[in-house]
C-alpha atoms as a PDB file:
ATOM      1  CA  UNK A   1     -13.909 -36.142  -5.835  1.00  0.00           C
ATOM      2  CA  UNK A   2     -14.713 -34.118  -8.950  1.00  0.00           C
ATOM      3  CA  UNK A   3     -15.671 -31.131  -6.781  1.00  0.00           C
ATOM      4  CA  UNK A   4     -12.300 -31.284  -5.027  1.00  0.00           C
ATOM      5  CA  UNK A   5     -10.498 -31.464  -8.367  1.00  0.00           C
ATOM      6  CA  UNK A   6     -12.510 -28.482  -9.641  1.00  0.00           C
ATOM      7  CA  UNK A   7     -11.581 -26.581  -6.480  1.00  0.00           C
ATOM      8  CA  UNK A   8      -7.871 -27.336  -6.916  1.00  0.00           C
ATOM      9  CA  UNK A   9      -7.787 -26.301 -10.555  1.00  0.00           C
ATOM     10  CA  UNK A  10      -9.824 -23.156 -10.075  1.00  0.00           C
ATOM     11  CA  UNK A  11      -7.691 -20.201 -11.154  1.00  0.00           C
ATOM     12  CA  UNK A  12      -7.626 -18.320  -7.868  1.00  0.00           C
ATOM     13  CA  UNK A  13      -6.369 -21.334  -5.870  1.00  0.00           C
ATOM     14  CA  UNK A  14      -3.416 -21.820  -8.208  1.00  0.00           C
ATOM     15  CA  UNK A  15      -2.737 -18.072  -8.233  1.00  0.00           C
ATOM     16  CA  UNK A  16      -2.753 -18.051  -4.432  1.00  0.00           C
ATOM     17  CA  UNK A  17      -0.364 -21.006  -4.254  1.00  0.00           C
ATOM     18  CA  UNK A  18       2.046 -19.302  -6.664  1.00  0.00           C
ATOM     19  CA  UNK A  19       1.778 -16.060  -4.691  1.00  0.00           C
ATOM     20  CA  UNK A  20       2.617 -17.841  -1.421  1.00  0.00           C
ATOM     21  CA  UNK A  21       5.680 -19.522  -2.929  1.00  0.00           C
ATOM     22  CA  UNK A  22       6.919 -16.315  -4.559  1.00  0.00           C
ATOM     23  CA  UNK A  23       6.134 -14.369  -1.373  1.00  0.00           C
ATOM     24  CA  UNK A  24       8.202 -16.768   0.714  1.00  0.00           C
ATOM     25  CA  UNK A  25      11.118 -16.525  -1.699  1.00  0.00           C
ATOM     26  CA  UNK A  26      10.843 -12.743  -1.809  1.00  0.00           C
ATOM     27  CA  UNK A  27      10.684 -12.645   1.994  1.00  0.00           C
ATOM     28  CA  UNK A  28      13.956 -14.572   2.150  1.00  0.00           C
ATOM     29  CA  UNK A  29      15.568 -12.090  -0.272  1.00  0.00           C
ATOM     30  CA  UNK A  30      14.365  -9.073   1.719  1.00  0.00           C
ATOM     31  CA  UNK A  31      15.452 -10.629   5.028  1.00  0.00           C
ATOM     32  CA  UNK A  32      18.915 -11.353   3.628  1.00  0.00           C
ATOM     33  CA  UNK A  33      19.125  -7.819   2.209  1.00  0.00           C
ATOM     34  CA  UNK A  34      18.323  -6.309   5.597  1.00  0.00           C
ATOM     35  CA  UNK A  35      20.498  -8.734   7.601  1.00  0.00           C
ATOM     36  CA  UNK A  36      23.544  -8.626   5.315  1.00  0.00           C
ATOM     37  CA  UNK A  37      23.495  -5.049   4.016  1.00  0.00           C
ATOM     38  CA  UNK A  38      21.260  -2.704   5.994  1.00  0.00           C
ATOM     39  CA  UNK A  39      21.927  -3.944   9.553  1.00  0.00           C
ATOM     40  CA  UNK A  40      25.741  -3.699   9.211  1.00  0.00           C
ATOM     41  CA  UNK A  41      25.284  -0.211   7.762  1.00  0.00           C
ATOM     42  CA  UNK A  42      23.178   0.802  10.755  1.00  0.00           C
ATOM     43  CA  UNK A  43      25.729  -0.819  13.085  1.00  0.00           C
ATOM     44  CA  UNK A  44      28.487   1.218  11.424  1.00  0.00           C
ATOM     45  CA  UNK A  45      26.516   4.426  11.933  1.00  0.00           C
ATOM     46  CA  UNK A  46      25.132   3.762  15.428  1.00  0.00           C
ATOM     47  CA  UNK A  47      27.847   1.491  16.795  1.00  0.00           C
ATOM     48  CA  UNK A  48      25.657  -1.414  17.939  1.00  0.00           C
ATOM     49  CA  UNK A  49      24.317  -4.060  15.555  1.00  0.00           C
ATOM     50  CA  UNK A  50      22.139  -5.774  18.183  1.00  0.00           C
ATOM     51  CA  UNK A  51      20.327  -4.700  21.327  1.00  0.00           C
ATOM     52  CA  UNK A  52      19.778  -8.184  22.799  1.00  0.00           C
ATOM     53  CA  UNK A  53      21.779  -7.401  25.948  1.00  0.00           C
ATOM     54  CA  UNK A  54      19.657  -4.372  26.866  1.00  0.00           C
ATOM     55  CA  UNK A  55      17.191  -4.765  29.694  1.00  0.00           C
ATOM     56  CA  UNK A  56      16.209  -3.562  33.114  1.00  0.00           C
ATOM     57  CA  UNK A  57      15.139  -5.077  36.420  1.00  0.00           C
ATOM     58  CA  UNK A  58      12.259  -4.012  38.661  1.00  0.00           C
ATOM     59  CA  UNK A  59      11.710  -5.785  42.001  1.00  0.00           C
ATOM     60  CA  UNK A  60      13.665  -8.831  40.845  1.00  0.00           C
ATOM     61  CA  UNK A  61      11.843  -9.145  37.516  1.00  0.00           C
ATOM     62  CA  UNK A  62      14.089  -8.773  34.478  1.00  0.00           C
ATOM     63  CA  UNK A  63      12.681  -7.102  31.348  1.00  0.00           C
ATOM     64  CA  UNK A  64      14.843  -7.987  28.325  1.00  0.00           C
ATOM     65  CA  UNK A  65      13.678  -5.160  26.068  1.00  0.00           C
ATOM     66  CA  UNK A  66      16.653  -5.661  23.769  1.00  0.00           C
ATOM     67  CA  UNK A  67      14.990  -8.553  21.930  1.00  0.00           C
ATOM     68  CA  UNK A  68      11.938  -6.389  21.357  1.00  0.00           C
ATOM     69  CA  UNK A  69      14.119  -3.530  20.092  1.00  0.00           C
ATOM     70  CA  UNK A  70      15.949  -5.931  17.737  1.00  0.00           C
ATOM     71  CA  UNK A  71      12.618  -7.143  16.348  1.00  0.00           C
ATOM     72  CA  UNK A  72      11.315  -3.585  16.035  1.00  0.00           C
ATOM     73  CA  UNK A  73      14.428  -2.338  14.234  1.00  0.00           C
ATOM     74  CA  UNK A  74      14.371  -5.386  11.967  1.00  0.00           C
ATOM     75  CA  UNK A  75      10.707  -4.750  11.126  1.00  0.00           C
ATOM     76  CA  UNK A  76      11.333  -1.080  10.348  1.00  0.00           C
ATOM     77  CA  UNK A  77      14.334  -1.954   8.180  1.00  0.00           C
ATOM     78  CA  UNK A  78      12.403  -4.641   6.278  1.00  0.00           C
ATOM     79  CA  UNK A  79       9.452  -2.282   5.765  1.00  0.00           C
ATOM     80  CA  UNK A  80      11.779   0.495   4.564  1.00  0.00           C
ATOM     81  CA  UNK A  81      13.597  -1.863   2.212  1.00  0.00           C
ATOM     82  CA  UNK A  82      10.323  -3.108   0.719  1.00  0.00           C
ATOM     83  CA  UNK A  83       9.003   0.421   0.346  1.00  0.00           C
ATOM     84  CA  UNK A  84      12.077   2.001  -1.209  1.00  0.00           C
ATOM     85  CA  UNK A  85      13.165  -0.962  -3.348  1.00  0.00           C
ATOM     86  CA  UNK A  86       9.766  -2.268  -4.492  1.00  0.00           C
ATOM     87  CA  UNK A  87       6.763  -0.052  -3.752  1.00  0.00           C
ATOM     88  CA  UNK A  88       8.124   3.406  -4.613  1.00  0.00           C
ATOM     89  CA  UNK A  89       9.656   2.359  -7.971  1.00  0.00           C
ATOM     90  CA  UNK A  90       6.511   0.441  -8.955  1.00  0.00           C
ATOM     91  CA  UNK A  91       4.316   3.413  -8.060  1.00  0.00           C
ATOM     92  CA  UNK A  92       6.537   5.664 -10.156  1.00  0.00           C
ATOM     93  CA  UNK A  93       6.369   3.263 -13.105  1.00  0.00           C
ATOM     94  CA  UNK A  94       2.610   2.935 -12.645  1.00  0.00           C
ATOM     95  CA  UNK A  95       2.145   6.700 -12.706  1.00  0.00           C
ATOM     96  CA  UNK A  96       4.227   7.013 -15.865  1.00  0.00           C
ATOM     97  CA  UNK A  97       2.133   4.474 -17.732  1.00  0.00           C
ATOM     98  CA  UNK A  98      -1.287   5.069 -16.171  1.00  0.00           C
ATOM     99  CA  UNK A  99      -3.850   6.415 -18.630  1.00  0.00           C
ATOM    100  CA  UNK A 100      -5.436   9.713 -17.769  1.00  0.00           C
ATOM    101  CA  UNK A 101      -9.004   9.476 -16.575  1.00  0.00           C
ATOM    102  CA  UNK A 102     -11.451  11.012 -19.013  1.00  0.00           C
ATOM    103  CA  UNK A 103     -13.167  14.165 -17.871  1.00  0.00           C
ATOM    104  CA  UNK A 104     -16.833  13.805 -16.976  1.00  0.00           C
ATOM    105  CA  UNK A 105     -19.584  15.469 -18.958  1.00  0.00           C
ATOM    106  CA  UNK A 106     -19.724  19.236 -18.601  1.00  0.00           C
ATOM    107  CA  UNK A 107     -22.017  20.405 -15.813  1.00  0.00           C
ATOM    108  CA  UNK A 108     -23.293  23.664 -14.372  1.00  0.00           C
ATOM    109  CA  UNK A 109     -25.036  24.708 -11.195  1.00  0.00           C
ATOM    110  CA  UNK A 110     -28.686  25.747 -11.165  1.00  0.00           C
ATOM    111  CA  UNK A 111     -28.712  29.437 -10.112  1.00  0.00           C
ATOM    112  CA  UNK A 112     -31.886  28.898  -8.063  1.00  0.00           C
ATOM    113  CA  UNK A 113     -31.238  25.720  -6.036  1.00  0.00           C
ATOM    114  CA  UNK A 114     -27.510  25.169  -6.770  1.00  0.00           C
ATOM    115  CA  UNK A 115     -28.147  21.586  -7.929  1.00  0.00           C
ATOM    116  CA  UNK A 116     -25.582  20.248 -10.407  1.00  0.00           C
ATOM    117  CA  UNK A 117     -27.146  19.700 -13.827  1.00  0.00           C
ATOM    118  CA  UNK A 118     -25.738  18.873 -17.273  1.00  0.00           C
ATOM    119  CA  UNK A 119     -24.458  21.938 -19.106  1.00  0.00           C
ATOM    120  CA  UNK A 120     -26.887  21.420 -21.971  1.00  0.00           C
ATOM    121  CA  UNK A 121     -29.940  21.169 -19.677  1.00  0.00           C
ATOM    122  CA  UNK A 122     -32.694  23.741 -20.166  1.00  0.00           C
ATOM    123  CA  UNK A 123     -34.592  22.842 -16.965  1.00  0.00           C
ATOM    124  CA  UNK A 124     -33.296  21.922 -13.509  1.00  0.00           C
ATOM    125  CA  UNK A 125     -34.229  18.386 -12.488  1.00  0.00           C
ATOM    126  CA  UNK A 126     -34.451  19.375  -8.808  1.00  0.00           C
ATOM    127  CA  UNK A 127     -36.449  22.616  -8.789  1.00  0.00           C
ATOM    128  CA  UNK A 128     -37.723  22.563 -12.430  1.00  0.00           C
ATOM    129  CA  UNK A 129     -36.559  26.154 -13.011  1.00  0.00           C
ATOM    130  CA  UNK A 130     -35.868  27.167 -16.577  1.00  0.00           C
ATOM    131  CA  UNK A 131     -32.133  27.492 -17.209  1.00  0.00           C
ATOM    132  CA  UNK A 132     -30.179  29.485 -19.747  1.00  0.00           C
ATOM    133  CA  UNK A 133     -28.509  27.324 -22.370  1.00  0.00           C
ATOM    134  CA  UNK A 134     -24.774  27.900 -22.638  1.00  0.00           C
ATOM    135  CA  UNK A 135     -23.706  29.067 -26.056  1.00  0.00           C
ATOM    136  CA  UNK A 136     -21.637  26.739 -28.290  1.00  0.00           C
END
């Protein structure tokens, strides 16, 4: 029983549980945003809010492709809403506050074997040729 309790109170299990709950709530918000705002906007532009009645028949078999089109349009709208409302702004904020990566140590190429060596090196580690030292 103590192992089970340790498993439950391990940090990543609690973090995952919180993420699932917040993800479900966020999913409901995004779905409502698409259903109540984006879909009527698309319907106003295109003229049809739903494609459920679309379909075709071949040799007596009916293919109701409208449901698939509704699901596809809904998926694209949800993905676009998540990208433009969440991902793009967070990436922009992240780029504004991201520290610049420090430059690596200065290097030069060996003129004999073209191996990359530190700029202060006097001998190439690959071909052991003597190198000129760059001036200060």
